[in-house]
């Protein structure tokens, strides 16, 4: 049993340094709250992910690496025994170096950079099997993002819109002293639309290109540690790998 738990701990902590879903932290499926309790947390996450373009004709590429920083506030409620629902509201940017091929620009490529925009996540997490030493559970969450846009030196406006994400995962979790370690697989679906609008000359006709975008890989692995301090408060540290790296950190409490 001791060897098994040591192996589990190594796998879980290893995931902290792997590195892609966009939507913040998954967390252990062991709920933060008991039935009837509330929780509140402040969080940050960094994402490095590969996004595929269904039609590469207007971008010059079939896929592109994007990065994102997220800051958010999450509230949770234990609505039944061993299960909680949570709402996450925050702001996130979206950037990509050399995202689009354009021979008319110096260097032949154009970066994409959009400032912080609103996003929201609604989800559920809980355990369907548990013992005094470990548990197994699942989570499901959905996220909707605001519209991201950027205008280049030639007044070509790039817009990423109608982007949403759905995540589902399983984990096994157990305690190493007071720290809860967790690890498991997840599936992720991201969909949105990239639009490029440009004119060939001032006052000239407007041209438009559109393509659907999606995450390169639909399967990934995640793991992390929930570290309690004082009686009601905790820190959560998490890493994920899918087509790139995600790191998430949150600080919260239950009431």
Protein backbone atom coordinates (compact mmCIF):
# COMPACT_ATOMS: atom_id res chain seq x y z
CA UNK A 1 0.00 0.00 0.00
CA UNK A 2 2.84 2.39 0.91
CA UNK A 3 4.63 1.73 -2.39
CA UNK A 4 1.39 2.26 -4.32
CA UNK A 5 0.79 5.60 -2.62
CA UNK A 6 4.37 6.75 -3.24
CA UNK A 7 3.97 5.91 -6.94
CA UNK A 8 0.68 7.82 -7.04
CA UNK A 9 2.36 10.83 -5.40
CA UNK A 10 5.18 10.86 -7.95
CA UNK A 11 2.69 10.74 -10.87
CA UNK A 12 0.55 13.50 -9.38
CA UNK A 13 3.44 15.84 -8.66
CA UNK A 14 4.97 15.11 -12.06
CA UNK A 15 1.83 16.48 -13.68
CA UNK A 16 2.46 19.79 -11.96
CA UNK A 17 5.48 20.29 -14.20
CA UNK A 18 3.95 19.04 -17.42
CA UNK A 19 2.11 21.32 -19.13
CA UNK A 20 -4.32 22.31 -22.75
CA UNK A 21 -7.51 23.37 -22.12
CA UNK A 22 -8.11 27.12 -21.72
CA UNK A 23 -10.54 27.27 -18.81
CA UNK A 24 -8.58 27.72 -15.60
CA UNK A 25 -8.25 25.07 -12.95
CA UNK A 26 -9.97 21.67 -12.90
CA UNK A 27 -9.13 20.87 -9.28
CA UNK A 28 -9.50 17.60 -7.41
CA UNK A 29 -12.93 16.04 -7.76
CA UNK A 30 -13.14 15.82 -3.96
CA UNK A 31 -15.33 18.90 -3.40
CA UNK A 32 -14.03 21.91 -1.53
CA UNK A 33 -17.33 22.15 0.35
CA UNK A 34 -19.60 19.90 2.35
CA UNK A 35 -23.31 19.81 1.60
CA UNK A 36 -24.79 23.25 2.31
CA UNK A 37 -21.40 25.02 2.45
CA UNK A 38 -20.06 27.79 0.20
CA UNK A 39 -16.50 28.35 -1.03
CA UNK A 40 -14.75 31.31 -2.63
CA UNK A 41 -11.37 31.44 -4.35
CA UNK A 42 -9.13 33.77 -6.37
CA UNK A 43 -7.21 32.09 -9.18
CA UNK A 44 -4.68 32.55 -11.96
CA UNK A 45 -3.80 30.26 -14.87
CA UNK A 46 -1.37 30.34 -17.78
CA UNK A 47 -2.06 28.43 -20.98
CA UNK A 48 0.17 27.49 -23.91
CA UNK A 49 -1.93 25.59 -26.47
CA UNK A 50 -1.98 24.63 -30.14
CA UNK A 51 -5.15 25.63 -32.01
CA UNK A 52 -6.05 24.19 -35.41
CA UNK A 53 -7.54 26.20 -38.28
CA UNK A 54 -10.03 24.13 -40.28
CA UNK A 55 -9.31 26.22 -43.39
CA UNK A 56 -5.70 27.38 -43.70
CA UNK A 57 -6.20 29.35 -46.94
CA UNK A 58 -6.57 32.71 -45.21
CA UNK A 59 -3.98 32.19 -42.48
CA UNK A 60 -1.18 30.36 -44.30
CA UNK A 61 -1.05 27.83 -41.43
CA UNK A 62 -3.00 24.75 -40.37
CA UNK A 63 -2.31 25.29 -36.65
CA UNK A 64 -0.92 27.96 -34.34
CA UNK A 65 0.38 28.17 -30.78
CA UNK A 66 -1.61 30.57 -28.57
CA UNK A 67 -0.91 31.76 -25.04
CA UNK A 68 -3.39 33.07 -22.48
CA UNK A 69 -3.36 34.52 -18.96
CA UNK A 70 -6.50 34.19 -16.86
CA UNK A 71 -7.48 35.89 -13.59
CA UNK A 72 -10.73 34.77 -12.01
CA UNK A 73 -13.01 34.55 -8.99
CA UNK A 74 -14.69 31.20 -8.30
CA UNK A 75 -17.64 30.50 -6.05
CA UNK A 76 -18.78 26.98 -5.13
CA UNK A 77 -21.73 25.41 -3.32
CA UNK A 78 -22.15 21.87 -1.97
CA UNK A 79 -25.61 21.08 -3.31
CA UNK A 80 -25.66 17.36 -2.32
CA UNK A 81 -23.35 15.07 -0.37
CA UNK A 82 -19.92 14.75 -2.05
CA UNK A 83 -20.88 16.99 -5.00
CA UNK A 84 -20.62 20.71 -5.61
CA UNK A 85 -21.37 23.17 -8.38
CA UNK A 86 -19.16 26.15 -9.14
CA UNK A 87 -19.24 29.40 -11.09
CA UNK A 88 -16.06 31.06 -12.31
CA UNK A 89 -15.97 34.66 -13.62
CA UNK A 90 -12.85 36.39 -14.83
CA UNK A 91 -10.80 38.11 -17.50
CA UNK A 92 -8.33 36.59 -19.97
CA UNK A 93 -6.11 37.81 -22.80
CA UNK A 94 -5.14 35.87 -25.96
CA UNK A 95 -1.87 36.14 -27.91
CA UNK A 96 0.06 34.37 -30.68
CA UNK A 97 3.43 35.18 -32.24
CA UNK A 98 3.56 34.97 -36.03
CA UNK A 99 -0.04 33.82 -36.13
CA UNK A 100 -0.81 34.74 -39.75
CA UNK A 101 1.29 34.69 -42.91
CA UNK A 102 1.33 38.04 -44.75
CA UNK A 103 4.09 38.64 -47.32
CA UNK A 104 3.32 42.38 -47.39
CA UNK A 105 4.50 42.82 -43.79
CA UNK A 106 8.12 42.91 -42.52
CA UNK A 107 9.09 39.37 -41.56
CA UNK A 108 6.21 37.91 -43.55
CA UNK A 109 4.00 37.15 -40.53
CA UNK A 110 1.56 39.02 -38.31
CA UNK A 111 1.17 38.56 -34.56
CA UNK A 112 -2.20 38.34 -32.81
CA UNK A 113 -2.61 40.20 -29.53
CA UNK A 114 -5.88 40.93 -27.73
CA UNK A 115 -6.28 42.43 -24.27
CA UNK A 116 -8.22 41.10 -21.31
CA UNK A 117 -11.84 40.12 -21.99
CA UNK A 118 -14.57 38.57 -19.87
CA UNK A 119 -15.14 34.81 -19.62
CA UNK A 120 -17.43 32.63 -17.51
CA UNK A 121 -17.37 28.97 -16.47
CA UNK A 122 -20.10 26.79 -14.93
CA UNK A 123 -19.26 23.32 -13.68
CA UNK A 124 -19.81 20.38 -11.34
CA UNK A 125 -17.35 18.14 -9.48
CA UNK A 126 -17.74 15.29 -7.04
CA UNK A 127 -16.85 11.81 -5.83
CA UNK A 128 -18.63 8.59 -6.73
CA UNK A 129 -16.29 6.34 -4.73
CA UNK A 130 -14.25 7.07 -1.62
CA UNK A 131 -12.49 5.39 1.27
CA UNK A 132 -10.66 6.96 4.25
CA UNK A 133 -7.42 6.99 2.21
CA UNK A 134 -8.40 7.79 -1.39
CA UNK A 135 -11.31 8.58 -3.71
CA UNK A 136 -12.36 8.56 -7.36
CA UNK A 137 -14.52 11.25 -8.94
CA UNK A 138 -15.44 13.25 -12.02
CA UNK A 139 -15.95 16.83 -13.16
CA UNK A 140 -17.77 18.55 -16.01
CA UNK A 141 -17.46 22.24 -16.91
CA UNK A 142 -18.31 24.58 -19.76
CA UNK A 143 -16.78 28.00 -20.55
CA UNK A 144 -17.78 30.83 -22.87
CA UNK A 145 -15.28 33.52 -23.93
CA UNK A 146 -15.81 37.08 -25.09
CA UNK A 147 -14.75 38.20 -28.56
CA UNK A 148 -11.01 38.73 -29.11
CA UNK A 149 -9.80 41.09 -31.85
CA UNK A 150 -6.63 42.71 -33.17
CA UNK A 151 -5.91 45.13 -36.04
CA UNK A 152 -2.58 44.92 -37.90
CA UNK A 153 -0.45 47.55 -39.67
CA UNK A 154 -2.48 47.16 -42.88
CA UNK A 155 -5.80 47.66 -41.05
CA UNK A 156 -6.64 43.98 -41.40
CA UNK A 157 -8.86 43.13 -38.43
CA UNK A 158 -8.56 39.62 -36.98
CA UNK A 159 -11.38 38.47 -34.70
CA UNK A 160 -11.81 35.26 -32.70
CA UNK A 161 -15.44 34.94 -31.63
CA UNK A 162 -18.12 32.53 -30.45
CA UNK A 163 -15.41 30.55 -28.66
CA UNK A 164 -16.50 28.03 -26.08
CA UNK A 165 -14.96 25.07 -24.28
CA UNK A 166 -16.30 21.88 -22.69
CA UNK A 167 -14.15 19.76 -20.34
CA UNK A 168 -14.81 16.38 -18.73
CA UNK A 169 -12.39 14.42 -16.58
CA UNK A 170 -11.84 11.70 -14.00
CA UNK A 171 -9.33 11.59 -11.17
CA UNK A 172 -7.99 9.47 -8.35
CA UNK A 173 -6.99 11.40 -5.24
CA UNK A 174 -5.43 10.62 -1.87
CA UNK A 175 -3.78 12.35 1.06
CA UNK A 176 -0.10 12.68 1.87
CA UNK A 177 -0.42 14.03 5.38
CA UNK A 178 -2.74 17.07 5.15
CA UNK A 179 -2.09 17.58 1.40
CA UNK A 180 -4.57 16.14 -1.11
CA UNK A 181 -2.86 14.89 -4.30
CA UNK A 182 -4.84 14.16 -7.46
CA UNK A 183 -4.24 13.02 -11.02
CA UNK A 184 -6.27 11.74 -13.96
CA UNK A 185 -7.25 12.01 -17.64
CA UNK A 186 -9.56 14.54 -19.26
CA UNK A 187 -11.16 15.25 -22.61
CA UNK A 188 -11.54 18.76 -23.98
CA UNK A 189 -13.51 20.33 -26.80
CA UNK A 190 -12.87 23.90 -27.98
CA UNK A 191 -14.74 25.53 -30.84
CA UNK A 192 -14.79 29.06 -32.22
CA UNK A 193 -14.51 31.15 -35.35
CA UNK A 194 -11.61 33.16 -36.75
CA UNK A 195 -12.56 36.08 -38.99
CA UNK A 196 -10.21 38.29 -41.02
CA UNK A 197 -11.61 41.47 -42.59
CA UNK A 198 -9.41 43.69 -44.77
CA UNK A 199 -9.39 46.25 -47.62
CA UNK A 200 -6.85 46.42 -50.46
CA UNK A 201 -6.88 50.25 -50.53
CA UNK A 202 -8.44 53.08 -48.50
CA UNK A 203 -12.09 53.33 -49.46
CA UNK A 204 -11.85 50.13 -51.50
CA UNK A 205 -14.01 47.02 -51.24
CA UNK A 206 -13.96 44.97 -48.06
CA UNK A 207 -12.84 41.33 -48.13
CA UNK A 208 -13.55 38.68 -45.54
CA UNK A 209 -12.17 35.27 -44.61
CA UNK A 210 -13.62 32.89 -41.99
CA UNK A 211 -12.57 29.53 -40.56
CA UNK A 212 -13.50 27.40 -37.57
CA UNK A 213 -10.88 26.85 -34.87
CA UNK A 214 -10.44 23.99 -32.42
CA UNK A 215 -7.96 22.47 -29.99
CA UNK A 216 -5.35 20.29 -31.72
CA UNK A 217 -5.74 17.34 -29.30
CA UNK A 218 -8.93 16.34 -27.49
CA UNK A 219 -7.26 14.20 -24.76
CA UNK A 220 -4.93 15.23 -21.93
CA UNK A 221 -3.71 14.51 -18.42
CA UNK A 222 -3.78 16.67 -15.30
CA UNK A 223 -2.62 16.56 -11.71
CA UNK A 224 -2.14 18.76 -8.71
CA UNK A 225 -2.08 19.33 -4.97
CA UNK A 226 -4.58 20.95 -2.61
CA UNK A 227 -2.72 22.36 0.40
CA UNK A 228 -4.78 23.38 3.46
CA UNK A 229 -3.74 26.10 5.88
CA UNK A 230 -5.56 27.35 8.96
CA UNK A 231 -8.90 25.57 9.35
CA UNK A 232 -10.95 26.79 6.40
CA UNK A 233 -8.43 27.94 3.83
CA UNK A 234 -6.43 26.26 1.06
CA UNK A 235 -4.09 26.72 -1.88
CA UNK A 236 -4.39 24.63 -5.04
CA UNK A 237 -1.54 24.06 -7.50
CA UNK A 238 -2.22 22.27 -10.81
CA UNK A 239 -0.53 21.37 -14.09
CA UNK A 240 -1.98 19.92 -17.30
CA UNK A 241 -0.71 18.70 -20.63
CA UNK A 242 -2.68 18.35 -23.85
CA UNK A 243 -1.09 20.01 -26.89
CA UNK A 244 0.82 22.38 -24.63
CA UNK A 245 1.18 23.43 -21.00
CA UNK A 246 -1.32 24.82 -18.49
CA UNK A 247 -0.39 25.99 -14.99
CA UNK A 248 -3.04 27.07 -12.45
CA UNK A 249 -2.89 28.42 -8.90
CA UNK A 250 -5.77 29.38 -6.62
CA UNK A 251 -6.24 30.54 -3.02
CA UNK A 252 -9.60 30.10 -1.30
CA UNK A 253 -11.71 29.29 1.69
CA UNK A 254 -14.98 27.57 2.64
CA UNK A 255 -17.76 29.05 4.75
